[in-house]
Amino acid sequence: MTKKQHIKAGIITGIVVNYGLKWLVRNDLSVGLIYSIILGIIGEILPDILEPPTSRWHRKLWHSKKMIMYMALLVLVLLIIPLLKDSMKAGIVIVLISYLIHLILDSRTPAGLP
């Protein structure tokens, strides 16, 4: 997928996750709309920053099926265990879920995920 497509997905993911946290989990577990969009974009482009598409290491550790499992587990831990302030927890969850969406979208390409 292109960077532009990942940014669009990040915008959508940031908004949906922010409002999902607010309505489904707790009303006070959310961040502002602009922050959720920014965090969604960060989470969506983070895998390609860690492993640039031009690198021979692209789609290795940070673009793997194992990373999907680790990110999903981390989201569950953050939502269940009260370790952080609610706004910080919401921000981290938005980034992690956006990262997950990036991996899911990349898994649907011909190259797939290792």
Protein backbone atom coordinates (compact mmCIF):
# COMPACT_ATOMS: atom_id res chain seq x y z
CA MET A 1 0.00 0.00 0.00
CA THR A 2 1.10 3.57 -0.52
CA LYS A 3 1.91 6.07 2.19
CA LYS A 4 -1.11 8.14 1.12
CA GLN A 5 -3.43 5.15 1.60
CA HIS A 6 -1.96 4.45 5.03
CA ILE A 7 -2.45 8.09 6.05
CA LYS A 8 -6.11 7.96 5.00
CA ALA A 9 -6.54 4.74 6.97
CA GLY A 10 -4.85 6.40 9.98
CA ILE A 11 -7.28 9.31 9.90
CA ILE A 12 -10.27 6.98 9.81
CA THR A 13 -8.83 4.64 12.44
CA GLY A 14 -7.97 7.50 14.80
CA ILE A 15 -11.50 8.88 14.67
CA VAL A 16 -13.26 5.51 14.93
CA VAL A 17 -11.09 4.20 17.78
CA ASN A 18 -11.36 7.46 19.73
CA TYR A 19 -15.14 7.45 19.57
CA GLY A 20 -15.26 3.69 20.11
CA LEU A 21 -13.26 4.07 23.32
CA LYS A 22 -15.52 6.91 24.40
CA TRP A 23 -18.83 5.14 23.74
CA LEU A 24 -18.02 1.47 24.21
CA VAL A 25 -15.47 1.46 27.02
CA ARG A 26 -15.83 4.62 29.12
CA ASN A 27 -16.94 8.15 28.40
CA ASP A 28 -13.75 9.67 29.87
CA LEU A 29 -11.41 7.32 27.97
CA SER A 30 -10.77 9.39 24.85
CA VAL A 31 -8.68 12.22 23.44
CA GLY A 32 -9.64 15.19 21.29
CA LEU A 33 -10.54 14.75 17.63
CA ILE A 34 -7.38 16.40 16.25
CA TYR A 35 -5.16 14.37 18.59
CA SER A 36 -6.91 11.14 17.61
CA ILE A 37 -6.32 11.90 13.92
CA ILE A 38 -2.64 12.71 14.52
CA LEU A 39 -2.15 9.59 16.65
CA GLY A 40 -3.95 7.46 14.07
CA ILE A 41 -1.63 8.70 11.34
CA ILE A 42 1.44 8.09 13.53
CA GLY A 43 0.37 4.53 14.26
CA GLU A 44 -0.43 3.91 10.63
CA ILE A 45 2.95 5.06 9.26
CA LEU A 46 5.08 3.81 12.17
CA PRO A 47 5.75 0.33 10.67
CA ASP A 48 7.13 1.93 7.49
CA ILE A 49 9.32 4.26 9.56
CA LEU A 50 10.74 1.33 11.52
CA GLU A 51 11.21 -0.74 8.34
CA PRO A 52 11.30 1.58 5.31
CA PRO A 53 9.94 0.07 2.08
CA THR A 54 13.32 0.65 0.41
CA SER A 55 15.17 -1.36 3.07
CA ARG A 56 16.11 -5.00 2.64
CA TRP A 57 14.61 -5.49 6.10
CA HIS A 58 11.14 -4.32 5.01
CA ARG A 59 8.42 -6.70 6.16
CA LYS A 60 10.53 -8.51 8.71
CA LEU A 61 10.04 -8.05 12.48
CA TRP A 62 7.88 -4.90 12.51
CA HIS A 63 5.71 -6.15 9.61
CA SER A 64 5.01 -9.66 10.84
CA LYS A 65 2.10 -11.78 12.02
CA LYS A 66 3.81 -12.05 15.41
CA MET A 67 3.65 -8.26 15.74
CA ILE A 68 -0.13 -8.40 15.19
CA MET A 69 -0.40 -10.73 18.18
CA TYR A 70 1.90 -8.58 20.34
CA MET A 71 0.05 -5.34 19.53
CA ALA A 72 -3.36 -6.90 20.18
CA LEU A 73 -2.17 -8.27 23.50
CA LEU A 74 -0.73 -4.90 24.49
CA VAL A 75 -4.04 -3.17 23.68
CA LEU A 76 -5.90 -5.62 25.93
CA VAL A 77 -3.42 -5.15 28.77
CA LEU A 78 -3.69 -1.36 28.51
CA LEU A 79 -7.48 -1.47 28.59
CA ILE A 80 -7.70 -3.93 31.50
CA ILE A 81 -4.90 -2.88 33.85
CA PRO A 82 -5.03 0.68 35.23
CA LEU A 83 -1.39 1.67 34.68
CA LEU A 84 -1.71 5.06 33.02
CA LYS A 85 -3.90 8.15 33.03
CA ASP A 86 -6.98 7.68 30.85
CA SER A 87 -6.01 10.22 28.18
CA MET A 88 -2.52 8.71 27.84
CA LYS A 89 -3.99 5.21 27.72
CA ALA A 90 -6.45 6.27 25.00
CA GLY A 91 -3.66 7.83 22.94
CA ILE A 92 -1.49 4.73 23.14
CA VAL A 93 -4.42 2.48 22.25
CA ILE A 94 -5.16 4.62 19.16
CA VAL A 95 -1.53 4.33 18.01
CA LEU A 96 -1.45 0.56 18.62
CA ILE A 97 -4.73 -0.13 16.84
CA SER A 98 -3.64 2.05 13.91
CA TYR A 99 -0.43 0.01 13.79
CA LEU A 100 -2.55 -3.16 13.75
CA ILE A 101 -4.68 -1.79 10.91
CA HIS A 102 -1.48 -1.03 8.94
CA LEU A 103 -0.40 -4.65 9.32
CA ILE A 104 -3.83 -5.99 8.40
CA LEU A 105 -3.93 -3.80 5.28
CA ASP A 106 -0.41 -4.89 4.30
CA SER A 107 -1.35 -8.53 4.81
CA ARG A 108 -3.93 -8.14 2.05
CA THR A 109 -1.30 -7.11 -0.52
CA PRO A 110 0.40 -9.65 -2.85
CA ALA A 111 3.58 -9.55 -0.70
CA GLY A 112 1.59 -10.31 2.46
CA LEU A 113 3.26 -10.56 5.88
CA PRO A 114 5.95 -13.01 7.00
